[in-house]
Amino acid sequence: MVKGKEITNAQVKHLAWLSRIKISKTEEQKYANEMSQILIYFKKLDEAETEGIKPTYHVTEVTNVMREDEPKPQPSDQLLKIVPVTKGRFVKAPRIV
């Protein structure tokens, strides 16, 4: 195993128990090794020099194009035409208990 904090089989077993999944002893060892490798990779990322680098929130320059929200008055009788069931000037909905 490469230097760094290692994930133990007991920790993997506990994670499996929390996740309500059953894993074999072979899988415990496999996942412990894989998770340890992931932690080693994160440690390498922590060592990267990021001083003076502007944060990137999106990898592409795509931005949302939105129209201005302009409220328009709508007569209630027009709105009630699209509702499936009404009772007078109200929308009728199923009872929720």
N, C-alpha and C. Protein backbone atom coordinates (compact mmCIF):
# COMPACT_ATOMS: atom_id res chain seq x y z
N MET A 1 0.85 -1.19 0.00
CA MET A 1 0.00 0.00 0.00
C MET A 1 0.89 1.24 0.00
N VAL A 2 0.48 2.27 -0.69
CA VAL A 2 1.21 3.52 -0.78
C VAL A 2 1.04 4.28 0.53
N LYS A 3 2.01 5.14 0.85
CA LYS A 3 1.94 5.92 2.08
C LYS A 3 0.66 6.76 2.14
N GLY A 4 0.17 6.96 3.34
CA GLY A 4 -1.03 7.78 3.52
C GLY A 4 -2.00 7.09 4.46
N LYS A 5 -3.07 7.75 4.75
CA LYS A 5 -4.06 7.17 5.64
C LYS A 5 -4.79 6.05 4.91
N GLU A 6 -4.80 4.89 5.54
CA GLU A 6 -5.43 3.74 4.92
C GLU A 6 -6.80 3.48 5.53
N ILE A 7 -7.71 3.06 4.70
CA ILE A 7 -9.04 2.67 5.15
C ILE A 7 -8.96 1.20 5.56
N THR A 8 -9.47 0.88 6.72
CA THR A 8 -9.41 -0.49 7.21
C THR A 8 -10.63 -1.28 6.77
N ASN A 9 -10.48 -2.61 6.84
CA ASN A 9 -11.61 -3.48 6.52
C ASN A 9 -12.77 -3.22 7.47
N ALA A 10 -12.47 -2.91 8.72
CA ALA A 10 -13.52 -2.64 9.70
C ALA A 10 -14.31 -1.39 9.32
N GLN A 11 -13.63 -0.37 8.80
CA GLN A 11 -14.32 0.84 8.35
C GLN A 11 -15.21 0.55 7.15
N VAL A 12 -14.72 -0.28 6.22
CA VAL A 12 -15.51 -0.64 5.06
C VAL A 12 -16.73 -1.45 5.50
N LYS A 13 -16.52 -2.36 6.44
CA LYS A 13 -17.62 -3.17 6.96
C LYS A 13 -18.68 -2.28 7.61
N HIS A 14 -18.22 -1.27 8.35
CA HIS A 14 -19.15 -0.33 8.99
C HIS A 14 -19.92 0.49 7.94
N LEU A 15 -19.23 0.95 6.91
CA LEU A 15 -19.90 1.69 5.83
C LEU A 15 -20.94 0.81 5.13
N ALA A 16 -20.59 -0.45 4.92
CA ALA A 16 -21.54 -1.38 4.29
C ALA A 16 -22.76 -1.56 5.19
N TRP A 17 -22.53 -1.67 6.49
CA TRP A 17 -23.64 -1.81 7.43
C TRP A 17 -24.53 -0.57 7.40
N LEU A 18 -23.93 0.62 7.39
CA LEU A 18 -24.69 1.87 7.33
C LEU A 18 -25.49 1.95 6.03
N SER A 19 -24.92 1.43 4.95
CA SER A 19 -25.57 1.47 3.64
C SER A 19 -26.57 0.34 3.45
N ARG A 20 -26.61 -0.56 4.42
CA ARG A 20 -27.50 -1.73 4.37
C ARG A 20 -27.22 -2.61 3.16
N ILE A 21 -25.92 -2.83 2.92
CA ILE A 21 -25.53 -3.75 1.85
C ILE A 21 -24.61 -4.82 2.43
N LYS A 22 -24.68 -6.00 1.85
CA LYS A 22 -23.84 -7.10 2.30
C LYS A 22 -22.66 -7.23 1.34
N ILE A 23 -21.46 -7.32 1.93
CA ILE A 23 -20.27 -7.51 1.11
C ILE A 23 -19.45 -8.65 1.71
N SER A 24 -18.71 -9.32 0.87
CA SER A 24 -17.88 -10.44 1.31
C SER A 24 -16.56 -9.92 1.88
N LYS A 25 -15.80 -10.83 2.49
CA LYS A 25 -14.48 -10.46 3.03
C LYS A 25 -13.55 -10.00 1.89
N THR A 26 -13.67 -10.63 0.74
CA THR A 26 -12.86 -10.25 -0.42
C THR A 26 -13.20 -8.83 -0.86
N GLU A 27 -14.51 -8.53 -0.89
CA GLU A 27 -14.95 -7.19 -1.27
C GLU A 27 -14.51 -6.15 -0.25
N GLU A 28 -14.54 -6.52 1.04
CA GLU A 28 -14.07 -5.60 2.09
C GLU A 28 -12.64 -5.15 1.79
N GLN A 29 -11.78 -6.12 1.49
CA GLN A 29 -10.37 -5.81 1.21
C GLN A 29 -10.24 -4.98 -0.06
N LYS A 30 -11.00 -5.36 -1.09
CA LYS A 30 -10.95 -4.65 -2.37
C LYS A 30 -11.36 -3.19 -2.17
N TYR A 31 -12.50 -2.96 -1.48
CA TYR A 31 -12.99 -1.60 -1.28
C TYR A 31 -12.07 -0.80 -0.36
N ALA A 32 -11.48 -1.45 0.63
CA ALA A 32 -10.54 -0.77 1.51
C ALA A 32 -9.35 -0.25 0.71
N ASN A 33 -8.83 -1.09 -0.19
CA ASN A 33 -7.70 -0.67 -1.05
C ASN A 33 -8.10 0.48 -1.97
N GLU A 34 -9.29 0.34 -2.61
CA GLU A 34 -9.73 1.38 -3.54
C GLU A 34 -9.97 2.71 -2.82
N MET A 35 -10.61 2.67 -1.65
CA MET A 35 -10.86 3.91 -0.91
C MET A 35 -9.57 4.54 -0.42
N SER A 36 -8.61 3.71 -0.05
CA SER A 36 -7.30 4.24 0.37
C SER A 36 -6.62 4.95 -0.79
N GLN A 37 -6.72 4.37 -1.99
CA GLN A 37 -6.14 5.00 -3.18
C GLN A 37 -6.82 6.34 -3.47
N ILE A 38 -8.12 6.40 -3.26
CA ILE A 38 -8.85 7.65 -3.48
C ILE A 38 -8.36 8.72 -2.50
N LEU A 39 -8.16 8.35 -1.24
CA LEU A 39 -7.66 9.31 -0.25
C LEU A 39 -6.26 9.79 -0.61
N ILE A 40 -5.44 8.89 -1.13
CA ILE A 40 -4.09 9.29 -1.55
C ILE A 40 -4.18 10.30 -2.69
N TYR A 41 -5.09 10.07 -3.62
CA TYR A 41 -5.28 11.01 -4.74
C TYR A 41 -5.73 12.38 -4.23
N PHE A 42 -6.67 12.38 -3.28
CA PHE A 42 -7.12 13.66 -2.71
C PHE A 42 -5.97 14.38 -2.00
N LYS A 43 -5.10 13.62 -1.34
CA LYS A 43 -3.95 14.23 -0.69
C LYS A 43 -3.05 14.91 -1.72
N LYS A 44 -2.89 14.27 -2.88
CA LYS A 44 -2.10 14.89 -3.96
C LYS A 44 -2.77 16.18 -4.43
N LEU A 45 -4.09 16.17 -4.54
CA LEU A 45 -4.80 17.38 -4.96
C LEU A 45 -4.62 18.50 -3.94
N ASP A 46 -4.60 18.14 -2.65
CA ASP A 46 -4.40 19.15 -1.60
C ASP A 46 -3.04 19.81 -1.71
N GLU A 47 -2.05 19.09 -2.25
CA GLU A 47 -0.70 19.63 -2.37
C GLU A 47 -0.53 20.53 -3.59
N ALA A 48 -1.51 20.57 -4.47
CA ALA A 48 -1.41 21.37 -5.69
C ALA A 48 -1.35 22.86 -5.34
N GLU A 49 -0.51 23.59 -6.05
CA GLU A 49 -0.36 25.03 -5.83
C GLU A 49 -1.52 25.76 -6.48
N THR A 50 -2.34 26.41 -5.68
CA THR A 50 -3.51 27.10 -6.21
C THR A 50 -3.49 28.59 -5.88
N GLU A 51 -2.40 29.07 -5.36
CA GLU A 51 -2.30 30.48 -4.99
C GLU A 51 -2.40 31.35 -6.24
N GLY A 52 -3.31 32.32 -6.22
CA GLY A 52 -3.45 33.26 -7.32
C GLY A 52 -4.27 32.75 -8.49
N ILE A 53 -4.82 31.54 -8.37
CA ILE A 53 -5.64 31.00 -9.45
C ILE A 53 -7.10 31.34 -9.17
N LYS A 54 -7.73 31.94 -10.17
CA LYS A 54 -9.13 32.33 -10.04
C LYS A 54 -10.01 31.08 -9.99
N PRO A 55 -10.96 31.02 -9.05
CA PRO A 55 -11.84 29.85 -8.96
C PRO A 55 -12.67 29.68 -10.23
N THR A 56 -12.87 28.44 -10.63
CA THR A 56 -13.69 28.13 -11.79
C THR A 56 -14.96 27.46 -11.29
N TYR A 57 -16.08 28.08 -11.58
CA TYR A 57 -17.34 27.50 -11.14
C TYR A 57 -17.96 26.63 -12.21
N HIS A 58 -17.64 26.90 -13.46
CA HIS A 58 -18.11 26.09 -14.58
C HIS A 58 -16.94 25.89 -15.52
N VAL A 59 -16.86 24.73 -16.11
CA VAL A 59 -15.76 24.46 -17.03
C VAL A 59 -16.00 25.05 -18.40
N THR A 60 -17.25 25.38 -18.70
CA THR A 60 -17.55 26.00 -19.99
C THR A 60 -18.04 27.42 -19.76
N GLU A 61 -18.05 28.20 -20.79
CA GLU A 61 -18.48 29.59 -20.69
C GLU A 61 -19.97 29.76 -20.93
N VAL A 62 -20.75 28.70 -20.78
CA VAL A 62 -22.18 28.75 -21.01
C VAL A 62 -22.85 29.47 -19.85
N THR A 63 -23.72 30.41 -20.19
CA THR A 63 -24.50 31.09 -19.16
C THR A 63 -25.97 30.98 -19.51
N ASN A 64 -26.80 31.06 -18.50
CA ASN A 64 -28.24 31.02 -18.74
C ASN A 64 -28.69 32.33 -19.38
N VAL A 65 -29.50 32.21 -20.39
CA VAL A 65 -30.08 33.38 -21.03
C VAL A 65 -31.53 33.41 -20.61
N MET A 66 -31.86 34.39 -19.80
CA MET A 66 -33.22 34.47 -19.27
C MET A 66 -33.84 35.80 -19.64
N ARG A 67 -35.13 35.76 -19.85
CA ARG A 67 -35.84 37.00 -20.13
C ARG A 67 -36.19 37.67 -18.81
N GLU A 68 -36.46 38.93 -18.89
CA GLU A 68 -36.91 39.65 -17.71
C GLU A 68 -38.29 39.15 -17.30
N ASP A 69 -38.49 39.01 -16.04
CA ASP A 69 -39.79 38.58 -15.53
C ASP A 69 -40.68 39.80 -15.41
N GLU A 70 -41.63 39.89 -16.30
CA GLU A 70 -42.54 41.04 -16.31
C GLU A 70 -43.94 40.56 -15.97
N PRO A 71 -44.42 40.85 -14.78
CA PRO A 71 -45.77 40.41 -14.42
C PRO A 71 -46.82 41.11 -15.27
N LYS A 72 -47.80 40.32 -15.68
CA LYS A 72 -48.90 40.87 -16.47
C LYS A 72 -50.19 40.50 -15.78
N PRO A 73 -51.07 41.43 -15.60
CA PRO A 73 -52.34 41.10 -14.96
C PRO A 73 -53.16 40.17 -15.85
N GLN A 74 -53.75 39.16 -15.25
CA GLN A 74 -54.58 38.21 -15.98
C GLN A 74 -55.96 38.17 -15.32
N PRO A 75 -57.00 38.31 -16.08
CA PRO A 75 -58.34 38.19 -15.51
C PRO A 75 -58.55 36.77 -14.96
N SER A 76 -59.13 36.66 -13.77
CA SER A 76 -59.29 35.36 -13.13
C SER A 76 -60.16 34.41 -13.95
N ASP A 77 -61.13 34.93 -14.69
CA ASP A 77 -61.99 34.04 -15.48
C ASP A 77 -61.20 33.33 -16.57
N GLN A 78 -60.17 33.98 -17.13
CA GLN A 78 -59.33 33.33 -18.14
C GLN A 78 -58.48 32.24 -17.50
N LEU A 79 -57.97 32.51 -16.31
CA LEU A 79 -57.15 31.51 -15.63
C LEU A 79 -57.98 30.30 -15.22
N LEU A 80 -59.21 30.53 -14.80
CA LEU A 80 -60.06 29.41 -14.37
C LEU A 80 -60.50 28.53 -15.54
N LYS A 81 -60.36 29.01 -16.76
CA LYS A 81 -60.72 28.21 -17.94
C LYS A 81 -59.79 27.01 -18.11
N ILE A 82 -58.55 27.12 -17.66
CA ILE A 82 -57.59 26.04 -17.85
C ILE A 82 -57.58 25.04 -16.69
N VAL A 83 -58.31 25.33 -15.62
CA VAL A 83 -58.38 24.45 -14.46
C VAL A 83 -59.42 23.37 -14.72
N PRO A 84 -59.11 22.08 -14.40
CA PRO A 84 -60.06 21.01 -14.72
C PRO A 84 -61.37 21.08 -13.92
N VAL A 85 -61.32 21.40 -12.63
CA VAL A 85 -62.54 21.43 -11.81
C VAL A 85 -62.54 22.70 -10.97
N THR A 86 -63.65 23.43 -11.04
CA THR A 86 -63.79 24.64 -10.24
C THR A 86 -65.07 24.58 -9.44
N LYS A 87 -65.10 25.39 -8.42
CA LYS A 87 -66.32 25.56 -7.63
C LYS A 87 -66.48 27.05 -7.42
N GLY A 88 -67.33 27.65 -8.22
CA GLY A 88 -67.46 29.10 -8.18
C GLY A 88 -66.20 29.73 -8.73
N ARG A 89 -65.60 30.63 -7.94
CA ARG A 89 -64.35 31.30 -8.36
C ARG A 89 -63.11 30.60 -7.82
N PHE A 90 -63.28 29.35 -7.31
CA PHE A 90 -62.17 28.64 -6.68
C PHE A 90 -61.81 27.38 -7.44
N VAL A 91 -60.57 26.96 -7.28
CA VAL A 91 -60.09 25.72 -7.88
C VAL A 91 -60.44 24.60 -6.92
N LYS A 92 -61.09 23.55 -7.43
CA LYS A 92 -61.45 22.42 -6.60
C LYS A 92 -60.34 21.36 -6.74
N ALA A 93 -59.85 20.92 -5.58
CA ALA A 93 -58.77 19.93 -5.56
C ALA A 93 -59.19 18.77 -4.67
N PRO A 94 -58.57 17.60 -4.84
CA PRO A 94 -58.91 16.47 -3.98
C PRO A 94 -58.55 16.74 -2.54
N ARG A 95 -59.32 16.16 -1.64
CA ARG A 95 -59.07 16.32 -0.20
C ARG A 95 -57.77 15.60 0.17
N ILE A 96 -56.96 16.23 0.94
CA ILE A 96 -55.70 15.64 1.42
C ILE A 96 -55.84 15.44 2.93
N VAL A 97 -55.70 14.20 3.33
CA VAL A 97 -55.88 13.88 4.75
C VAL A 97 -54.54 13.70 5.40
